[in-house]
Amino acid sequence: MAKKKAGAPRRPAARKEEPAATGSTLKELLSAETLEKLKARADSIKEEDRKRAEEKRAAEEAAKQAEEKRLAGDFGHLLDNSRLDWKSFK
């Protein structure tokens, strides 16, 4: 048989808010210097992400061009992808 739990179930304690923090926003609580540091860090992260995306796009484009150049010299690929209607070339 299952054992019964001893005692009443516990309730979580209610949070007590500090009177100074009531109705305040994070912007109001932080100093101007701290806000400037956070904004600068956010801008640098955005710039790093933009550069990373640009480098990735450039690498993909270079790989695509290299593949096209490689396939342009491959006779089997050219033969497979050419039109077989030779009458138009008379």
PDB file of N, CA and C in Angstrom:
ATOM      1  N   MET A   1       0.829  -1.180   0.000  1.00  0.00           N
ATOM      2  CA  MET A   1       0.000   0.000   0.000  1.00  0.00           C
ATOM      3  C   MET A   1       0.879   1.251   0.000  1.00  0.00           C
ATOM      4  N   ALA A   2       0.334   2.303  -0.552  1.00  0.00           N
ATOM      5  CA  ALA A   2       1.067   3.565  -0.625  1.00  0.00           C
ATOM      6  C   ALA A   2       1.045   4.265   0.721  1.00  0.00           C
ATOM      7  N   LYS A   3       2.155   4.922   1.042  1.00  0.00           N
ATOM      8  CA  LYS A   3       2.238   5.652   2.301  1.00  0.00           C
ATOM      9  C   LYS A   3       1.599   7.030   2.134  1.00  0.00           C
ATOM     10  N   LYS A   4       0.977   7.473   3.209  1.00  0.00           N
ATOM     11  CA  LYS A   4       0.382   8.800   3.183  1.00  0.00           C
ATOM     12  C   LYS A   4       1.444   9.819   3.537  1.00  0.00           C
ATOM     13  N   LYS A   5       1.328  10.974   2.930  1.00  0.00           N
ATOM     14  CA  LYS A   5       2.275  12.045   3.215  1.00  0.00           C
ATOM     15  C   LYS A   5       1.962  12.636   4.575  1.00  0.00           C
ATOM     16  N   ALA A   6       3.005  12.873   5.333  1.00  0.00           N
ATOM     17  CA  ALA A   6       2.819  13.451   6.658  1.00  0.00           C
ATOM     18  C   ALA A   6       2.753  14.964   6.557  1.00  0.00           C
ATOM     19  N   GLY A   7       1.812  15.566   7.248  1.00  0.00           N
ATOM     20  CA  GLY A   7       1.724  17.019   7.302  1.00  0.00           C
ATOM     21  C   GLY A   7       0.989  17.601   6.113  1.00  0.00           C
ATOM     22  N   ALA A   8       0.759  18.886   6.172  1.00  0.00           N
ATOM     23  CA  ALA A   8       0.054  19.605   5.110  1.00  0.00           C
ATOM     24  C   ALA A   8       1.035  19.960   3.993  1.00  0.00           C
ATOM     25  N   PRO A   9       0.558  20.080   2.761  1.00  0.00           N
ATOM     26  CA  PRO A   9       1.455  20.464   1.663  1.00  0.00           C
ATOM     27  C   PRO A   9       1.997  21.872   1.897  1.00  0.00           C
ATOM     28  N   ARG A  10       3.245  22.081   1.512  1.00  0.00           N
ATOM     29  CA  ARG A  10       3.888  23.367   1.715  1.00  0.00           C
ATOM     30  C   ARG A  10       3.522  24.328   0.588  1.00  0.00           C
ATOM     31  N   ARG A  11       3.347  25.570   0.957  1.00  0.00           N
ATOM     32  CA  ARG A  11       3.058  26.602  -0.027  1.00  0.00           C
ATOM     33  C   ARG A  11       4.312  27.440  -0.219  1.00  0.00           C
ATOM     34  N   PRO A  12       4.591  27.842  -1.451  1.00  0.00           N
ATOM     35  CA  PRO A  12       5.778  28.681  -1.650  1.00  0.00           C
ATOM     36  C   PRO A  12       5.583  30.031  -0.971  1.00  0.00           C
ATOM     37  N   ALA A  13       6.668  30.556  -0.440  1.00  0.00           N
ATOM     38  CA  ALA A  13       6.607  31.847   0.239  1.00  0.00           C
ATOM     39  C   ALA A  13       6.334  32.954  -0.769  1.00  0.00           C
ATOM     40  N   ALA A  14       5.529  33.911  -0.379  1.00  0.00           N
ATOM     41  CA  ALA A  14       5.203  35.035  -1.260  1.00  0.00           C
ATOM     42  C   ALA A  14       6.416  35.940  -1.389  1.00  0.00           C
ATOM     43  N   ARG A  15       6.633  36.473  -2.579  1.00  0.00           N
ATOM     44  CA  ARG A  15       7.762  37.367  -2.811  1.00  0.00           C
ATOM     45  C   ARG A  15       7.484  38.719  -2.171  1.00  0.00           C
ATOM     46  N   LYS A  16       8.524  39.269  -1.611  1.00  0.00           N
ATOM     47  CA  LYS A  16       8.405  40.608  -1.057  1.00  0.00           C
ATOM     48  C   LYS A  16       9.199  41.542  -1.958  1.00  0.00           C
ATOM     49  N   GLU A  17       8.539  42.551  -2.493  1.00  0.00           N
ATOM     50  CA  GLU A  17       9.203  43.505  -3.369  1.00  0.00           C
ATOM     51  C   GLU A  17       9.830  44.605  -2.527  1.00  0.00           C
ATOM     52  N   GLU A  18      10.959  45.063  -2.974  1.00  0.00           N
ATOM     53  CA  GLU A  18      11.605  46.172  -2.293  1.00  0.00           C
ATOM     54  C   GLU A  18      10.837  47.446  -2.615  1.00  0.00           C
ATOM     55  N   PRO A  19      10.671  48.318  -1.652  1.00  0.00           N
ATOM     56  CA  PRO A  19       9.905  49.538  -1.926  1.00  0.00           C
ATOM     57  C   PRO A  19      10.564  50.444  -2.961  1.00  0.00           C
ATOM     58  N   ALA A  20      11.905  50.439  -3.067  1.00  0.00           N
ATOM     59  CA  ALA A  20      12.597  51.296  -4.031  1.00  0.00           C
ATOM     60  C   ALA A  20      12.419  50.783  -5.456  1.00  0.00           C
ATOM     61  N   ALA A  21      12.254  49.465  -5.611  1.00  0.00           N
ATOM     62  CA  ALA A  21      12.165  48.882  -6.943  1.00  0.00           C
ATOM     63  C   ALA A  21      10.736  48.845  -7.472  1.00  0.00           C
ATOM     64  N   THR A  22       9.767  49.194  -6.675  1.00  0.00           N
ATOM     65  CA  THR A  22       8.383  49.127  -7.107  1.00  0.00           C
ATOM     66  C   THR A  22       8.119  50.164  -8.196  1.00  0.00           C
ATOM     67  N   GLY A  23       7.662  49.701  -9.352  1.00  0.00           N
ATOM     68  CA  GLY A  23       7.324  50.590 -10.452  1.00  0.00           C
ATOM     69  C   GLY A  23       8.527  51.124 -11.206  1.00  0.00           C
ATOM     70  N   SER A  24       9.719  50.708 -10.877  1.00  0.00           N
ATOM     71  CA  SER A  24      10.916  51.184 -11.557  1.00  0.00           C
ATOM     72  C   SER A  24      11.258  50.254 -12.712  1.00  0.00           C
ATOM     73  N   THR A  25      11.856  50.843 -13.727  1.00  0.00           N
ATOM     74  CA  THR A  25      12.316  50.032 -14.848  1.00  0.00           C
ATOM     75  C   THR A  25      13.808  49.801 -14.710  1.00  0.00           C
ATOM     76  N   LEU A  26      14.300  48.869 -15.465  1.00  0.00           N
ATOM     77  CA  LEU A  26      15.726  48.571 -15.432  1.00  0.00           C
ATOM     78  C   LEU A  26      16.533  49.790 -15.874  1.00  0.00           C
ATOM     79  N   LYS A  27      16.024  50.507 -16.840  1.00  0.00           N
ATOM     80  CA  LYS A  27      16.712  51.697 -17.334  1.00  0.00           C
ATOM     81  C   LYS A  27      16.860  52.744 -16.228  1.00  0.00           C
ATOM     82  N   GLU A  28      15.852  52.859 -15.402  1.00  0.00           N
ATOM     83  CA  GLU A  28      15.902  53.826 -14.306  1.00  0.00           C
ATOM     84  C   GLU A  28      16.857  53.374 -13.210  1.00  0.00           C
ATOM     85  N   LEU A  29      16.996  52.070 -13.032  1.00  0.00           N
ATOM     86  CA  LEU A  29      17.836  51.547 -11.960  1.00  0.00           C
ATOM     87  C   LEU A  29      19.322  51.555 -12.319  1.00  0.00           C
ATOM     88  N   LEU A  30      19.658  51.441 -13.610  1.00  0.00           N
ATOM     89  CA  LEU A  30      21.061  51.397 -14.020  1.00  0.00           C
ATOM     90  C   LEU A  30      21.608  52.802 -14.235  1.00  0.00           C
ATOM     91  N   SER A  31      22.899  52.930 -14.028  1.00  0.00           N
ATOM     92  CA  SER A  31      23.534  54.228 -14.242  1.00  0.00           C
ATOM     93  C   SER A  31      23.702  54.475 -15.740  1.00  0.00           C
ATOM     94  N   ALA A  32      23.939  55.730 -16.093  1.00  0.00           N
ATOM     95  CA  ALA A  32      24.100  56.101 -17.498  1.00  0.00           C
ATOM     96  C   ALA A  32      25.327  55.427 -18.101  1.00  0.00           C
ATOM     97  N   GLU A  33      26.387  55.310 -17.313  1.00  0.00           N
ATOM     98  CA  GLU A  33      27.613  54.670 -17.793  1.00  0.00           C
ATOM     99  C   GLU A  33      27.370  53.202 -18.129  1.00  0.00           C
ATOM    100  N   THR A  34      26.633  52.526 -17.274  1.00  0.00           N
ATOM    101  CA  THR A  34      26.324  51.110 -17.504  1.00  0.00           C
ATOM    102  C   THR A  34      25.459  50.946 -18.746  1.00  0.00           C
ATOM    103  N   LEU A  35      24.486  51.845 -18.918  1.00  0.00           N
ATOM    104  CA  LEU A  35      23.638  51.779 -20.114  1.00  0.00           C
ATOM    105  C   LEU A  35      24.451  51.986 -21.380  1.00  0.00           C
ATOM    106  N   GLU A  36      25.390  52.913 -21.359  1.00  0.00           N
ATOM    107  CA  GLU A  36      26.233  53.148 -22.529  1.00  0.00           C
ATOM    108  C   GLU A  36      27.087  51.923 -22.846  1.00  0.00           C
ATOM    109  N   LYS A  37      27.605  51.277 -21.810  1.00  0.00           N
ATOM    110  CA  LYS A  37      28.400  50.062 -22.025  1.00  0.00           C
ATOM    111  C   LYS A  37      27.547  48.963 -22.641  1.00  0.00           C
ATOM    112  N   LEU A  38      26.322  48.818 -22.147  1.00  0.00           N
ATOM    113  CA  LEU A  38      25.424  47.787 -22.686  1.00  0.00           C
ATOM    114  C   LEU A  38      25.061  48.083 -24.142  1.00  0.00           C
ATOM    115  N   LYS A  39      24.800  49.344 -24.442  1.00  0.00           N
ATOM    116  CA  LYS A  39      24.466  49.711 -25.821  1.00  0.00           C
ATOM    117  C   LYS A  39      25.652  49.481 -26.752  1.00  0.00           C
ATOM    118  N   ALA A  40      26.848  49.826 -26.290  1.00  0.00           N
ATOM    119  CA  ALA A  40      28.045  49.613 -27.105  1.00  0.00           C
ATOM    120  C   ALA A  40      28.272  48.127 -27.354  1.00  0.00           C
ATOM    121  N   ARG A  41      28.063  47.318 -26.328  1.00  0.00           N
ATOM    122  CA  ARG A  41      28.238  45.864 -26.470  1.00  0.00           C
ATOM    123  C   ARG A  41      27.212  45.288 -27.445  1.00  0.00           C
ATOM    124  N   ALA A  42      25.975  45.761 -27.358  1.00  0.00           N
ATOM    125  CA  ALA A  42      24.925  45.289 -28.268  1.00  0.00           C
ATOM    126  C   ALA A  42      25.265  45.663 -29.709  1.00  0.00           C
ATOM    127  N   ASP A  43      25.759  46.882 -29.903  1.00  0.00           N
ATOM    128  CA  ASP A  43      26.141  47.311 -31.250  1.00  0.00           C
ATOM    129  C   ASP A  43      27.294  46.481 -31.795  1.00  0.00           C
ATOM    130  N   SER A  44      28.273  46.181 -30.944  1.00  0.00           N
ATOM    131  CA  SER A  44      29.411  45.385 -31.409  1.00  0.00           C
ATOM    132  C   SER A  44      28.973  43.959 -31.750  1.00  0.00           C
ATOM    133  N   ILE A  45      28.052  43.406 -30.995  1.00  0.00           N
ATOM    134  CA  ILE A  45      27.558  42.057 -31.286  1.00  0.00           C
ATOM    135  C   ILE A  45      26.809  42.054 -32.619  1.00  0.00           C
ATOM    136  N   LYS A  46      25.990  43.072 -32.856  1.00  0.00           N
ATOM    137  CA  LYS A  46      25.264  43.165 -34.130  1.00  0.00           C
ATOM    138  C   LYS A  46      26.238  43.290 -35.300  1.00  0.00           C
ATOM    139  N   GLU A  47      27.287  44.075 -35.125  1.00  0.00           N
ATOM    140  CA  GLU A  47      28.284  44.259 -36.181  1.00  0.00           C
ATOM    141  C   GLU A  47      29.027  42.953 -36.457  1.00  0.00           C
ATOM    142  N   GLU A  48      29.373  42.222 -35.400  1.00  0.00           N
ATOM    143  CA  GLU A  48      30.048  40.934 -35.576  1.00  0.00           C
ATOM    144  C   GLU A  48      29.150  39.951 -36.319  1.00  0.00           C
ATOM    145  N   ASP A  49      27.868  39.920 -35.978  1.00  0.00           N
ATOM    146  CA  ASP A  49      26.936  39.028 -36.663  1.00  0.00           C
ATOM    147  C   ASP A  49      26.795  39.399 -38.130  1.00  0.00           C
ATOM    148  N   ARG A  50      26.750  40.713 -38.418  1.00  0.00           N
ATOM    149  CA  ARG A  50      26.629  41.154 -39.805  1.00  0.00           C
ATOM    150  C   ARG A  50      27.870  40.759 -40.597  1.00  0.00           C
ATOM    151  N   LYS A  51      29.056  40.944 -39.996  1.00  0.00           N
ATOM    152  CA  LYS A  51      30.299  40.568 -40.681  1.00  0.00           C
ATOM    153  C   LYS A  51      30.361  39.065 -40.904  1.00  0.00           C
ATOM    154  N   ARG A  52      29.954  38.289 -39.915  1.00  0.00           N
ATOM    155  CA  ARG A  52      29.973  36.831 -40.033  1.00  0.00           C
ATOM    156  C   ARG A  52      29.040  36.374 -41.150  1.00  0.00           C
ATOM    157  N   ALA A  53      27.855  36.985 -41.236  1.00  0.00           N
ATOM    158  CA  ALA A  53      26.901  36.625 -42.292  1.00  0.00           C
ATOM    159  C   ALA A  53      27.457  36.995 -43.666  1.00  0.00           C
ATOM    160  N   GLU A  54      28.113  38.154 -43.766  1.00  0.00           N
ATOM    161  CA  GLU A  54      28.699  38.586 -45.039  1.00  0.00           C
ATOM    162  C   GLU A  54      29.826  37.651 -45.461  1.00  0.00           C
ATOM    163  N   GLU A  55      30.665  37.252 -44.512  1.00  0.00           N
ATOM    164  CA  GLU A  55      31.759  36.321 -44.830  1.00  0.00           C
ATOM    165  C   GLU A  55      31.212  34.966 -45.262  1.00  0.00           C
ATOM    166  N   LYS A  56      30.151  34.514 -44.617  1.00  0.00           N
ATOM    167  CA  LYS A  56      29.546  33.231 -44.980  1.00  0.00           C
ATOM    168  C   LYS A  56      28.964  33.303 -46.389  1.00  0.00           C
ATOM    169  N   ARG A  57      28.296  34.424 -46.714  1.00  0.00           N
ATOM    170  CA  ARG A  57      27.714  34.584 -48.041  1.00  0.00           C
ATOM    171  C   ARG A  57      28.806  34.624 -49.101  1.00  0.00           C
ATOM    172  N   ALA A  58      29.897  35.333 -48.815  1.00  0.00           N
ATOM    173  CA  ALA A  58      30.998  35.434 -49.768  1.00  0.00           C
ATOM    174  C   ALA A  58      31.656  34.063 -49.977  1.00  0.00           C
ATOM    175  N   ALA A  59      31.807  33.292 -48.902  1.00  0.00           N
ATOM    176  CA  ALA A  59      32.409  31.960 -49.017  1.00  0.00           C
ATOM    177  C   ALA A  59      31.517  31.037 -49.848  1.00  0.00           C
ATOM    178  N   GLU A  60      30.205  31.112 -49.624  1.00  0.00           N
ATOM    179  CA  GLU A  60      29.284  30.278 -50.403  1.00  0.00           C
ATOM    180  C   GLU A  60      29.310  30.666 -51.878  1.00  0.00           C
ATOM    181  N   GLU A  61      29.384  31.975 -52.144  1.00  0.00           N
ATOM    182  CA  GLU A  61      29.437  32.438 -53.532  1.00  0.00           C
ATOM    183  C   GLU A  61      30.727  31.983 -54.210  1.00  0.00           C
ATOM    184  N   ALA A  62      31.855  32.059 -53.488  1.00  0.00           N
ATOM    185  CA  ALA A  62      33.137  31.621 -54.049  1.00  0.00           C
ATOM    186  C   ALA A  62      33.122  30.117 -54.322  1.00  0.00           C
ATOM    187  N   ALA A  63      32.522  29.348 -53.419  1.00  0.00           N
ATOM    188  CA  ALA A  63      32.438  27.903 -53.614  1.00  0.00           C
ATOM    189  C   ALA A  63      31.557  27.573 -54.822  1.00  0.00           C
ATOM    190  N   LYS A  64      30.477  28.338 -54.991  1.00  0.00           N
ATOM    191  CA  LYS A  64      29.585  28.116 -56.133  1.00  0.00           C
ATOM    192  C   LYS A  64      30.304  28.429 -57.441  1.00  0.00           C
ATOM    193  N   GLN A  65      31.064  29.522 -57.475  1.00  0.00           N
ATOM    194  CA  GLN A  65      31.796  29.873 -58.681  1.00  0.00           C
ATOM    195  C   GLN A  65      32.877  28.847 -58.991  1.00  0.00           C
ATOM    196  N   ALA A  66      33.555  28.342 -57.968  1.00  0.00           N
ATOM    197  CA  ALA A  66      34.581  27.324 -58.178  1.00  0.00           C
ATOM    198  C   ALA A  66      33.960  26.041 -58.725  1.00  0.00           C
ATOM    199  N   GLU A  67      32.796  25.684 -58.219  1.00  0.00           N
ATOM    200  CA  GLU A  67      32.105  24.477 -58.701  1.00  0.00           C
ATOM    201  C   GLU A  67      31.677  24.660 -60.152  1.00  0.00           C
ATOM    202  N   GLU A  68      31.154  25.838 -60.503  1.00  0.00           N
ATOM    203  CA  GLU A  68      30.748  26.097 -61.883  1.00  0.00           C
ATOM    204  C   GLU A  68      31.955  26.052 -62.824  1.00  0.00           C
ATOM    205  N   LYS A  69      33.074  26.599 -62.370  1.00  0.00           N
ATOM    206  CA  LYS A  69      34.291  26.586 -63.192  1.00  0.00           C
ATOM    207  C   LYS A  69      34.791  25.159 -63.392  1.00  0.00           C
ATOM    208  N   ARG A  70      34.701  24.361 -62.332  1.00  0.00           N
ATOM    209  CA  ARG A  70      35.135  22.968 -62.427  1.00  0.00           C
ATOM    210  C   ARG A  70      34.229  22.186 -63.383  1.00  0.00           C
ATOM    211  N   LEU A  71      32.927  22.423 -63.301  1.00  0.00           N
ATOM    212  CA  LEU A  71      31.990  21.695 -64.155  1.00  0.00           C
ATOM    213  C   LEU A  71      32.039  22.179 -65.599  1.00  0.00           C
ATOM    214  N   ALA A  72      32.474  23.417 -65.825  1.00  0.00           N
ATOM    215  CA  ALA A  72      32.552  23.938 -67.191  1.00  0.00           C
ATOM    216  C   ALA A  72      33.606  23.181 -68.000  1.00  0.00           C
ATOM    217  N   GLY A  73      34.613  22.638 -67.347  1.00  0.00           N
ATOM    218  CA  GLY A  73      35.643  21.891 -68.053  1.00  0.00           C
ATOM    219  C   GLY A  73      35.389  20.391 -68.057  1.00  0.00           C
ATOM    220  N   ASP A  74      34.341  19.950 -67.431  1.00  0.00           N
ATOM    221  CA  ASP A  74      34.029  18.521 -67.345  1.00  0.00           C
ATOM    222  C   ASP A  74      33.150  18.137 -68.545  1.00  0.00           C
ATOM    223  N   PHE A  75      33.717  17.361 -69.456  1.00  0.00           N
ATOM    224  CA  PHE A  75      33.003  17.009 -70.678  1.00  0.00           C
ATOM    225  C   PHE A  75      31.743  16.191 -70.385  1.00  0.00           C
ATOM    226  N   GLY A  76      31.807  15.299 -69.417  1.00  0.00           N
ATOM    227  CA  GLY A  76      30.634  14.476 -69.085  1.00  0.00           C
ATOM    228  C   GLY A  76      29.482  15.326 -68.587  1.00  0.00           C
ATOM    229  N   HIS A  77      29.782  16.317 -67.768  1.00  0.00           N
ATOM    230  CA  HIS A  77      28.738  17.213 -67.258  1.00  0.00           C
ATOM    231  C   HIS A  77      28.141  18.041 -68.394  1.00  0.00           C
ATOM    232  N   LEU A  78      28.996  18.565 -69.281  1.00  0.00           N
ATOM    233  CA  LEU A  78      28.503  19.355 -70.404  1.00  0.00           C
ATOM    234  C   LEU A  78      27.632  18.520 -71.338  1.00  0.00           C
ATOM    235  N   LEU A  79      28.024  17.282 -71.557  1.00  0.00           N
ATOM    236  CA  LEU A  79      27.253  16.403 -72.430  1.00  0.00           C
ATOM    237  C   LEU A  79      25.903  16.064 -71.807  1.00  0.00           C
ATOM    238  N   ASP A  80      25.891  15.838 -70.499  1.00  0.00           N
ATOM    239  CA  ASP A  80      24.633  15.505 -69.814  1.00  0.00           C
ATOM    240  C   ASP A  80      23.671  16.687 -69.790  1.00  0.00           C
ATOM    241  N   ASN A  81      24.195  17.882 -69.741  1.00  0.00           N
ATOM    242  CA  ASN A  81      23.336  19.062 -69.601  1.00  0.00           C
ATOM    243  C   ASN A  81      23.112  19.810 -70.911  1.00  0.00           C
ATOM    244  N   SER A  82      23.588  19.290 -72.012  1.00  0.00           N
ATOM    245  CA  SER A  82      23.376  19.969 -73.294  1.00  0.00           C
ATOM    246  C   SER A  82      22.080  19.461 -73.935  1.00  0.00           C
ATOM    247  N   ARG A  83      21.554  20.286 -74.826  1.00  0.00           N
ATOM    248  CA  ARG A  83      20.360  19.856 -75.553  1.00  0.00           C
ATOM    249  C   ARG A  83      20.785  18.844 -76.617  1.00  0.00           C
ATOM    250  N   LEU A  84      19.975  17.853 -76.806  1.00  0.00           N
ATOM    251  CA  LEU A  84      20.303  16.821 -77.772  1.00  0.00           C
ATOM    252  C   LEU A  84      19.632  17.058 -79.114  1.00  0.00           C
ATOM    253  N   ASP A  85      19.080  18.237 -79.317  1.00  0.00           N
ATOM    254  CA  ASP A  85      18.446  18.596 -80.579  1.00  0.00           C
ATOM    255  C   ASP A  85      19.497  19.220 -81.496  1.00  0.00           C
ATOM    256  N   TRP A  86      20.191  18.373 -82.264  1.00  0.00           N
ATOM    257  CA  TRP A  86      21.281  18.856 -83.110  1.00  0.00           C
ATOM    258  C   TRP A  86      20.783  19.489 -84.396  1.00  0.00           C
ATOM    259  N   LYS A  87      19.511  19.334 -84.717  1.00  0.00           N
ATOM    260  CA  LYS A  87      18.973  19.894 -85.959  1.00  0.00           C
ATOM    261  C   LYS A  87      19.022  21.430 -85.947  1.00  0.00           C
ATOM    262  N   SER A  88      18.919  22.011 -84.773  1.00  0.00           N
ATOM    263  CA  SER A  88      18.921  23.473 -84.712  1.00  0.00           C
ATOM    264  C   SER A  88      20.303  24.056 -84.967  1.00  0.00           C
ATOM    265  N   PHE A  89      21.339  23.240 -84.999  1.00  0.00           N
ATOM    266  CA  PHE A  89      22.705  23.720 -85.213  1.00  0.00           C
ATOM    267  C   PHE A  89      23.177  23.539 -86.656  1.00  0.00           C
ATOM    268  N   LYS A  90      22.284  23.166 -87.557  1.00  0.00           N
ATOM    269  CA  LYS A  90      22.655  22.962 -88.975  1.00  0.00           C
ATOM    270  C   LYS A  90      22.905  24.264 -89.656  1.00  0.00           C
TER     271      LYS A  90
END
